[in-house]
Amino acid sequence: MRLICLVLSSAVLLAACSGRQQPPPWMRATEKPRDENYHGGNAALLLKYDANRDGTVTRDELIRGLRAEFAAHDTNRNACLDADQAGQINQARVDADQSTATPVVDWNQDGCIDYTEFSAAPYSLFDQLDVNHDAKIDPKELQRAGARPRQPGTAPPEQDEGEPGGRRGPPPGGRLPPNGGP
């Protein structure tokens, strides 16, 4: 009987102590909900490839932009991104996009992230958003994906002007790809 009383009193004491802690920030009534789309949601991944800034991303713009971006990261010029290069890319994406960052992953675990693995997420998203299959993601399709409307001719949010991907100057490693890319 004493043991049962001791256990029950311990449980009551622990419950009383734990009741004094503050709930985590996301459960507090005064905490403003976080906007997961503050950088443009999933559509921001594609908007940076809108080379002519007309508000529509074509498949050709996506391909050219991804090839140029891959070439800029492939500083060894071996059509393969190693773990260190992938780590740098992923950290830069997290720093820029936070909750909407899409990491590059060595899906087949061969120690090399090739162009197919590098470009898988953007191509997949493009195919999902191109609901009418016209090889273009127009402003309405982008808005359905969470993009904020913008005026044609303006840079996507959080992007610098310049080559697709918003990069200014030479790529990491200081060399530009020959003839502007592959």
C-alpha atoms as a PDB file:
ATOM      1  CA  MET A   1       0.000   0.000   0.000  1.00  0.00           C
ATOM      2  CA  ARG A   2       2.838   2.348   0.838  1.00  0.00           C
ATOM      3  CA  LEU A   3       4.410   1.609  -2.524  1.00  0.00           C
ATOM      4  CA  ILE A   4       1.207   2.491  -4.372  1.00  0.00           C
ATOM      5  CA  CYS A   5       0.891   5.759  -2.437  1.00  0.00           C
ATOM      6  CA  LEU A   6       4.524   6.593  -3.174  1.00  0.00           C
ATOM      7  CA  VAL A   7       4.073   5.910  -6.897  1.00  0.00           C
ATOM      8  CA  LEU A   8       0.849   7.938  -7.083  1.00  0.00           C
ATOM      9  CA  SER A   9       2.315  10.892  -5.220  1.00  0.00           C
ATOM     10  CA  SER A  10       5.371  10.819  -7.474  1.00  0.00           C
ATOM     11  CA  ALA A  11       3.151  10.839 -10.552  1.00  0.00           C
ATOM     12  CA  VAL A  12       1.128  13.782  -9.210  1.00  0.00           C
ATOM     13  CA  LEU A  13       4.315  15.686  -8.373  1.00  0.00           C
ATOM     14  CA  LEU A  14       5.768  15.081 -11.854  1.00  0.00           C
ATOM     15  CA  ALA A  15       2.516  16.155 -13.508  1.00  0.00           C
ATOM     16  CA  ALA A  16       2.446  19.352 -11.445  1.00  0.00           C
ATOM     17  CA  CYS A  17       6.048  20.193 -12.333  1.00  0.00           C
ATOM     18  CA  SER A  18       5.594  19.592 -16.029  1.00  0.00           C
ATOM     19  CA  GLY A  19       2.437  21.730 -16.147  1.00  0.00           C
ATOM     20  CA  ARG A  20       4.479  24.882 -15.443  1.00  0.00           C
ATOM     21  CA  GLN A  21       6.456  24.753 -18.693  1.00  0.00           C
ATOM     22  CA  GLN A  22       5.542  26.986 -21.598  1.00  0.00           C
ATOM     23  CA  PRO A  23       4.123  25.237 -24.658  1.00  0.00           C
ATOM     24  CA  PRO A  24       6.335  25.325 -27.759  1.00  0.00           C
ATOM     25  CA  PRO A  25       6.060  28.556 -29.799  1.00  0.00           C
ATOM     26  CA  TRP A  26       3.896  27.053 -32.556  1.00  0.00           C
ATOM     27  CA  MET A  27       1.270  26.038 -29.974  1.00  0.00           C
ATOM     28  CA  ARG A  28       0.982  29.442 -28.272  1.00  0.00           C
ATOM     29  CA  ALA A  29      -2.182  31.350 -29.036  1.00  0.00           C
ATOM     30  CA  THR A  30      -0.273  34.616 -29.518  1.00  0.00           C
ATOM     31  CA  GLU A  31       2.242  33.149 -31.983  1.00  0.00           C
ATOM     32  CA  LYS A  32       1.648  34.144 -35.623  1.00  0.00           C
ATOM     33  CA  PRO A  33       1.565  31.084 -37.924  1.00  0.00           C
ATOM     34  CA  ARG A  34       4.619  30.667 -40.116  1.00  0.00           C
ATOM     35  CA  ASP A  35       4.118  31.324 -43.838  1.00  0.00           C
ATOM     36  CA  GLU A  36       5.621  28.315 -45.606  1.00  0.00           C
ATOM     37  CA  ASN A  37       5.326  30.090 -48.953  1.00  0.00           C
ATOM     38  CA  TYR A  38       7.170  33.257 -47.990  1.00  0.00           C
ATOM     39  CA  HIS A  39       9.730  32.684 -50.775  1.00  0.00           C
ATOM     40  CA  GLY A  40       7.070  31.730 -53.317  1.00  0.00           C
ATOM     41  CA  GLY A  41       6.374  28.124 -52.414  1.00  0.00           C
ATOM     42  CA  ASN A  42       7.166  25.330 -54.818  1.00  0.00           C
ATOM     43  CA  ALA A  43       6.820  27.642 -57.797  1.00  0.00           C
ATOM     44  CA  ALA A  44       9.897  29.621 -56.714  1.00  0.00           C
ATOM     45  CA  LEU A  45      11.987  26.622 -57.704  1.00  0.00           C
ATOM     46  CA  LEU A  46      10.889  27.161 -61.310  1.00  0.00           C
ATOM     47  CA  LEU A  47      10.535  30.942 -61.418  1.00  0.00           C
ATOM     48  CA  LYS A  48      14.268  31.446 -61.262  1.00  0.00           C
ATOM     49  CA  TYR A  49      14.544  29.815 -64.712  1.00  0.00           C
ATOM     50  CA  ASP A  50      12.243  32.403 -66.344  1.00  0.00           C
ATOM     51  CA  ALA A  51      15.124  33.793 -68.410  1.00  0.00           C
ATOM     52  CA  ASN A  52      13.173  36.478 -70.298  1.00  0.00           C
ATOM     53  CA  ARG A  53      11.206  37.485 -67.169  1.00  0.00           C
ATOM     54  CA  ASP A  54       7.846  37.301 -68.940  1.00  0.00           C
ATOM     55  CA  GLY A  55       6.126  35.458 -66.081  1.00  0.00           C
ATOM     56  CA  THR A  56       6.009  32.158 -68.000  1.00  0.00           C
ATOM     57  CA  VAL A  57       8.566  29.378 -67.588  1.00  0.00           C
ATOM     58  CA  THR A  58       9.016  27.297 -70.733  1.00  0.00           C
ATOM     59  CA  ARG A  59      10.562  23.838 -70.832  1.00  0.00           C
ATOM     60  CA  ASP A  60      13.376  25.247 -72.994  1.00  0.00           C
ATOM     61  CA  GLU A  61      14.125  27.946 -70.385  1.00  0.00           C
ATOM     62  CA  LEU A  62      14.153  25.289 -67.681  1.00  0.00           C
ATOM     63  CA  ILE A  63      16.531  23.046 -69.630  1.00  0.00           C
ATOM     64  CA  ARG A  64      18.928  25.896 -70.490  1.00  0.00           C
ATOM     65  CA  GLY A  65      18.884  27.192 -66.923  1.00  0.00           C
ATOM     66  CA  LEU A  66      19.447  23.780 -65.342  1.00  0.00           C
ATOM     67  CA  ARG A  67      22.282  22.944 -67.728  1.00  0.00           C
ATOM     68  CA  ALA A  68      23.993  26.267 -67.004  1.00  0.00           C
ATOM     69  CA  GLU A  69      23.500  25.819 -63.266  1.00  0.00           C
ATOM     70  CA  PHE A  70      24.872  22.263 -63.336  1.00  0.00           C
ATOM     71  CA  ALA A  71      27.886  23.368 -65.385  1.00  0.00           C
ATOM     72  CA  ALA A  72      28.575  26.188 -62.929  1.00  0.00           C
ATOM     73  CA  HIS A  73      28.602  23.754 -59.996  1.00  0.00           C
ATOM     74  CA  ASP A  74      30.619  21.091 -61.851  1.00  0.00           C
ATOM     75  CA  THR A  75      33.955  22.780 -61.144  1.00  0.00           C
ATOM     76  CA  ASN A  76      35.863  19.549 -61.884  1.00  0.00           C
ATOM     77  CA  ARG A  77      34.260  19.437 -65.369  1.00  0.00           C
ATOM     78  CA  ASN A  78      33.609  15.690 -65.046  1.00  0.00           C
ATOM     79  CA  ALA A  79      29.783  15.722 -65.328  1.00  0.00           C
ATOM     80  CA  CYS A  80      29.665  14.619 -61.708  1.00  0.00           C
ATOM     81  CA  LEU A  81      29.048  16.510 -58.475  1.00  0.00           C
ATOM     82  CA  ASP A  82      30.758  14.964 -55.469  1.00  0.00           C
ATOM     83  CA  ALA A  83      29.575  15.020 -51.847  1.00  0.00           C
ATOM     84  CA  ASP A  84      31.428  18.271 -51.061  1.00  0.00           C
ATOM     85  CA  GLN A  85      29.932  20.059 -54.071  1.00  0.00           C
ATOM     86  CA  ALA A  86      26.468  18.731 -53.191  1.00  0.00           C
ATOM     87  CA  GLY A  87      26.903  19.910 -49.609  1.00  0.00           C
ATOM     88  CA  GLN A  88      27.760  23.427 -50.782  1.00  0.00           C
ATOM     89  CA  ILE A  89      24.778  23.495 -53.158  1.00  0.00           C
ATOM     90  CA  ASN A  90      22.403  22.218 -50.489  1.00  0.00           C
ATOM     91  CA  GLN A  91      23.634  24.703 -47.883  1.00  0.00           C
ATOM     92  CA  ALA A  92      23.255  27.583 -50.344  1.00  0.00           C
ATOM     93  CA  ARG A  93      19.721  26.421 -51.172  1.00  0.00           C
ATOM     94  CA  VAL A  94      18.760  26.214 -47.512  1.00  0.00           C
ATOM     95  CA  ASP A  95      20.259  29.647 -46.839  1.00  0.00           C
ATOM     96  CA  ALA A  96      18.318  31.140 -49.760  1.00  0.00           C
ATOM     97  CA  ASP A  97      15.036  29.243 -49.630  1.00  0.00           C
ATOM     98  CA  GLN A  98      14.775  27.788 -46.112  1.00  0.00           C
ATOM     99  CA  SER A  99      11.513  25.808 -46.012  1.00  0.00           C
ATOM    100  CA  THR A 100      11.216  25.524 -49.802  1.00  0.00           C
ATOM    101  CA  ALA A 101      14.767  24.320 -50.429  1.00  0.00           C
ATOM    102  CA  THR A 102      15.091  21.242 -52.617  1.00  0.00           C
ATOM    103  CA  PRO A 103      18.339  19.391 -51.933  1.00  0.00           C
ATOM    104  CA  VAL A 104      20.366  17.592 -54.567  1.00  0.00           C
ATOM    105  CA  VAL A 105      20.648  13.907 -53.730  1.00  0.00           C
ATOM    106  CA  ASP A 106      22.770  11.046 -55.019  1.00  0.00           C
ATOM    107  CA  TRP A 107      19.731   8.816 -55.514  1.00  0.00           C
ATOM    108  CA  ASN A 108      21.585   5.769 -56.845  1.00  0.00           C
ATOM    109  CA  GLN A 109      24.364   6.210 -54.244  1.00  0.00           C
ATOM    110  CA  ASP A 110      27.214   5.839 -56.719  1.00  0.00           C
ATOM    111  CA  GLY A 111      29.171   8.780 -55.267  1.00  0.00           C
ATOM    112  CA  CYS A 112      28.293  11.012 -58.211  1.00  0.00           C
ATOM    113  CA  ILE A 113      25.349  13.356 -58.697  1.00  0.00           C
ATOM    114  CA  ASP A 114      24.936  13.516 -62.452  1.00  0.00           C
ATOM    115  CA  TYR A 115      22.749  15.913 -64.421  1.00  0.00           C
ATOM    116  CA  THR A 116      19.748  13.553 -64.239  1.00  0.00           C
ATOM    117  CA  GLU A 117      19.853  13.467 -60.434  1.00  0.00           C
ATOM    118  CA  PHE A 118      20.602  17.207 -60.219  1.00  0.00           C
ATOM    119  CA  SER A 119      17.622  18.146 -62.391  1.00  0.00           C
ATOM    120  CA  ALA A 120      15.080  15.524 -61.241  1.00  0.00           C
ATOM    121  CA  ALA A 121      13.122  17.733 -58.813  1.00  0.00           C
ATOM    122  CA  PRO A 122      12.685  20.748 -61.135  1.00  0.00           C
ATOM    123  CA  TYR A 123      11.675  18.535 -64.094  1.00  0.00           C
ATOM    124  CA  SER A 124       9.213  16.624 -61.929  1.00  0.00           C
ATOM    125  CA  LEU A 125       7.686  19.819 -60.555  1.00  0.00           C
ATOM    126  CA  PHE A 126       7.469  21.313 -64.049  1.00  0.00           C
ATOM    127  CA  ASP A 127       5.577  18.246 -65.280  1.00  0.00           C
ATOM    128  CA  GLN A 128       3.197  18.409 -62.301  1.00  0.00           C
ATOM    129  CA  LEU A 129       2.431  22.109 -62.760  1.00  0.00           C
ATOM    130  CA  ASP A 130       2.059  22.013 -66.552  1.00  0.00           C
ATOM    131  CA  VAL A 131      -1.559  20.894 -66.308  1.00  0.00           C
ATOM    132  CA  ASN A 132      -2.389  21.583 -69.962  1.00  0.00           C
ATOM    133  CA  HIS A 133       0.863  19.927 -71.197  1.00  0.00           C
ATOM    134  CA  ASP A 134       1.873  22.842 -73.440  1.00  0.00           C
ATOM    135  CA  ALA A 135       5.530  22.833 -72.257  1.00  0.00           C
ATOM    136  CA  LYS A 136       4.917  26.147 -70.468  1.00  0.00           C
ATOM    137  CA  ILE A 137       4.068  27.074 -66.907  1.00  0.00           C
ATOM    138  CA  ASP A 138       2.023  30.235 -67.244  1.00  0.00           C
ATOM    139  CA  PRO A 139       1.289  32.713 -64.429  1.00  0.00           C
ATOM    140  CA  LYS A 140      -2.018  31.014 -63.552  1.00  0.00           C
ATOM    141  CA  GLU A 141      -0.313  27.632 -63.205  1.00  0.00           C
ATOM    142  CA  LEU A 142       2.444  29.232 -61.122  1.00  0.00           C
ATOM    143  CA  GLN A 143      -0.081  30.939 -58.844  1.00  0.00           C
ATOM    144  CA  ARG A 144      -1.865  27.635 -58.273  1.00  0.00           C
ATOM    145  CA  ALA A 145       1.475  26.326 -57.022  1.00  0.00           C
ATOM    146  CA  GLY A 146       1.848  29.171 -54.541  1.00  0.00           C
ATOM    147  CA  ALA A 147       3.744  31.806 -56.504  1.00  0.00           C
ATOM    148  CA  ARG A 148       2.890  35.395 -55.807  1.00  0.00           C
ATOM    149  CA  PRO A 149       1.790  37.320 -58.899  1.00  0.00           C
ATOM    150  CA  ARG A 150       4.465  39.578 -60.378  1.00  0.00           C
ATOM    151  CA  GLN A 151       4.707  41.914 -63.293  1.00  0.00           C
ATOM    152  CA  PRO A 152       6.359  40.661 -66.506  1.00  0.00           C
ATOM    153  CA  GLY A 153       9.916  41.938 -66.851  1.00  0.00           C
ATOM    154  CA  THR A 154      10.661  41.935 -63.121  1.00  0.00           C
ATOM    155  CA  ALA A 155      13.004  39.551 -61.366  1.00  0.00           C
ATOM    156  CA  PRO A 156      11.491  36.773 -59.261  1.00  0.00           C
ATOM    157  CA  PRO A 157      11.375  37.504 -55.525  1.00  0.00           C
ATOM    158  CA  GLU A 158      14.731  37.131 -53.771  1.00  0.00           C
ATOM    159  CA  GLN A 159      16.566  36.843 -57.130  1.00  0.00           C
ATOM    160  CA  ASP A 160      19.284  38.968 -58.606  1.00  0.00           C
ATOM    161  CA  GLU A 161      19.231  39.901 -62.250  1.00  0.00           C
ATOM    162  CA  GLY A 162      21.657  37.994 -64.427  1.00  0.00           C
ATOM    163  CA  GLU A 163      21.871  34.505 -65.820  1.00  0.00           C
ATOM    164  CA  PRO A 164      19.174  31.893 -65.034  1.00  0.00           C
ATOM    165  CA  GLY A 165      19.340  31.002 -61.402  1.00  0.00           C
ATOM    166  CA  GLY A 166      19.960  34.629 -60.438  1.00  0.00           C
ATOM    167  CA  ARG A 167      23.757  34.243 -60.160  1.00  0.00           C
ATOM    168  CA  ARG A 168      25.971  37.244 -60.859  1.00  0.00           C
ATOM    169  CA  GLY A 169      29.558  36.934 -61.883  1.00  0.00           C
ATOM    170  CA  PRO A 170      31.544  33.758 -62.292  1.00  0.00           C
ATOM    171  CA  PRO A 171      30.340  30.479 -60.824  1.00  0.00           C
ATOM    172  CA  PRO A 172      32.022  28.836 -57.866  1.00  0.00           C
ATOM    173  CA  GLY A 173      35.594  28.052 -58.854  1.00  0.00           C
ATOM    174  CA  GLY A 174      35.818  31.239 -60.912  1.00  0.00           C
ATOM    175  CA  ARG A 175      35.438  29.677 -64.390  1.00  0.00           C
ATOM    176  CA  LEU A 176      32.586  30.253 -66.751  1.00  0.00           C
ATOM    177  CA  PRO A 177      31.459  27.378 -68.955  1.00  0.00           C
ATOM    178  CA  PRO A 178      32.585  27.715 -72.595  1.00  0.00           C
ATOM    179  CA  ASN A 179      30.031  29.431 -74.856  1.00  0.00           C
ATOM    180  CA  GLY A 180      27.754  30.162 -71.898  1.00  0.00           C
ATOM    181  CA  GLY A 181      27.093  26.539 -70.970  1.00  0.00           C
ATOM    182  CA  PRO A 182      26.550  23.082 -72.383  1.00  0.00           C
END
